[in-house]
């Protein structure tokens, strides 16, 4: 009788500890700024950045992992969050030539084991 009681308690403890460890995930949040190539007009830079953001939004988690250069432990959990946006940086070289670069500001999250 005592052995049976001990076995039941040990089984229950094992089952509970397995559930605790299985659900112990944390969500990490991160940001990254991606740049487009330099172009001659501000409008072209916005267009390139917008296209890049649309592509990221359609990407699978593994494609996002490569595009962001992020090595998430489990790339299947990688996803874009709301709040990503685009801007344009204006540059002038020593000769006075101006160029524009689209900047894609990406907010993303991924899961890690705690």
Protein backbone atom coordinates (compact mmCIF):
# COMPACT_ATOMS: atom_id res chain seq x y z
CA UNK A 1 0.00 0.00 0.00
CA UNK A 2 2.80 2.43 0.92
CA UNK A 3 4.64 1.66 -2.33
CA UNK A 4 1.50 2.37 -4.40
CA UNK A 5 0.95 5.70 -2.67
CA UNK A 6 4.59 6.69 -3.29
CA UNK A 7 4.36 5.66 -6.96
CA UNK A 8 1.20 7.73 -7.49
CA UNK A 9 2.75 10.80 -5.87
CA UNK A 10 5.97 10.40 -7.90
CA UNK A 11 3.99 10.04 -11.13
CA UNK A 12 1.93 13.14 -10.37
CA UNK A 13 5.07 15.18 -9.60
CA UNK A 14 6.72 14.02 -12.82
CA UNK A 15 3.66 14.95 -14.88
CA UNK A 16 3.44 18.40 -13.30
CA UNK A 17 7.14 19.15 -13.71
CA UNK A 18 7.01 18.11 -17.38
CA UNK A 19 4.17 20.56 -18.03
CA UNK A 20 6.02 23.38 -16.28
CA UNK A 21 9.17 22.86 -18.36
CA UNK A 22 7.27 22.45 -21.62
CA UNK A 23 5.58 25.87 -21.33
CA UNK A 24 8.54 27.88 -20.13
CA UNK A 25 8.99 30.23 -23.15
CA UNK A 26 9.70 33.94 -23.18
CA UNK A 27 8.85 36.35 -25.98
CA UNK A 28 11.75 38.59 -26.92
CA UNK A 29 11.17 41.87 -28.77
CA UNK A 30 13.74 43.50 -31.02
CA UNK A 31 14.13 46.20 -33.67
CA UNK A 32 16.32 46.47 -36.72
CA UNK A 33 16.83 49.12 -39.41
CA UNK A 34 17.33 47.82 -42.94
CA UNK A 35 18.64 50.07 -45.70
CA UNK A 36 17.80 50.14 -49.38
CA UNK A 37 20.34 51.05 -52.04
CA UNK A 38 21.07 54.74 -52.68
CA UNK A 39 18.86 56.37 -55.31
CA UNK A 40 18.58 59.79 -56.92
CA UNK A 41 15.17 60.87 -55.59
CA UNK A 42 13.37 60.84 -52.28
CA UNK A 43 10.27 59.32 -53.89
CA UNK A 44 12.32 56.41 -55.28
CA UNK A 45 13.82 55.79 -51.84
CA UNK A 46 10.37 55.71 -50.23
CA UNK A 47 9.16 53.31 -52.95
CA UNK A 48 12.09 50.93 -52.38
CA UNK A 49 11.61 51.00 -48.61
CA UNK A 50 7.87 50.44 -48.92
CA UNK A 51 8.44 47.48 -51.26
CA UNK A 52 10.98 46.00 -48.85
CA UNK A 53 8.56 46.33 -45.92
CA UNK A 54 5.77 44.70 -47.92
CA UNK A 55 8.10 41.82 -48.78
CA UNK A 56 9.03 41.35 -45.12
CA UNK A 57 5.36 41.33 -44.14
CA UNK A 58 4.71 38.50 -46.63
CA UNK A 59 7.83 36.49 -45.69
CA UNK A 60 7.70 33.20 -43.82
CA UNK A 61 9.45 33.07 -40.42
CA UNK A 62 12.54 31.40 -41.93
CA UNK A 63 12.71 34.04 -44.70
CA UNK A 64 12.41 36.76 -42.03
CA UNK A 65 15.25 35.14 -40.11
CA UNK A 66 17.52 35.46 -43.17
CA UNK A 67 16.31 38.94 -44.17
CA UNK A 68 16.82 40.35 -40.68
CA UNK A 69 20.13 38.57 -40.19
CA UNK A 70 18.78 37.34 -36.89
CA UNK A 71 19.61 33.89 -35.65
CA UNK A 72 16.57 33.10 -33.54
CA UNK A 73 16.96 29.83 -31.64
CA UNK A 74 13.63 28.75 -33.13
CA UNK A 75 13.17 30.67 -36.37
CA UNK A 76 9.60 29.34 -36.68
CA UNK A 77 8.59 31.73 -33.90
CA UNK A 78 9.98 34.86 -35.60
CA UNK A 79 7.28 37.36 -36.60
CA UNK A 80 6.88 41.03 -37.43
CA UNK A 81 5.05 43.20 -34.95
CA UNK A 82 2.87 46.22 -35.54
CA UNK A 83 4.68 49.53 -35.65
CA UNK A 84 7.23 48.90 -38.40
CA UNK A 85 7.71 52.02 -40.55
CA UNK A 86 9.84 53.56 -43.28
CA UNK A 87 11.86 56.76 -43.50
CA UNK A 88 14.39 58.23 -45.90
CA UNK A 89 17.90 59.48 -45.23
CA UNK A 90 19.34 62.24 -47.42
CA UNK A 91 23.10 62.29 -48.09
CA UNK A 92 25.36 64.73 -49.88
CA UNK A 93 28.90 63.84 -50.91
CA UNK A 94 31.90 66.20 -51.17
CA UNK A 95 30.99 67.06 -54.78
CA UNK A 96 27.53 68.28 -53.72
CA UNK A 97 25.68 65.31 -55.21
CA UNK A 98 22.63 64.26 -53.20
CA UNK A 99 21.36 60.71 -52.85
CA UNK A 100 18.60 59.12 -50.80
CA UNK A 101 18.45 55.85 -48.89
CA UNK A 102 15.23 54.18 -47.75
CA UNK A 103 15.26 52.97 -44.14
CA UNK A 104 12.93 50.20 -43.03
CA UNK A 105 12.46 50.24 -39.25
CA UNK A 106 11.31 46.73 -38.30
CA UNK A 107 9.83 45.60 -35.00
CA UNK A 108 9.84 41.83 -34.52
CA UNK A 109 9.53 39.16 -31.86
CA UNK A 110 10.63 35.57 -31.31
CA UNK A 111 10.36 32.87 -28.67
CA UNK A 112 13.22 31.60 -26.50
CA UNK A 113 13.39 28.98 -23.79
CA UNK A 114 13.64 30.54 -20.37
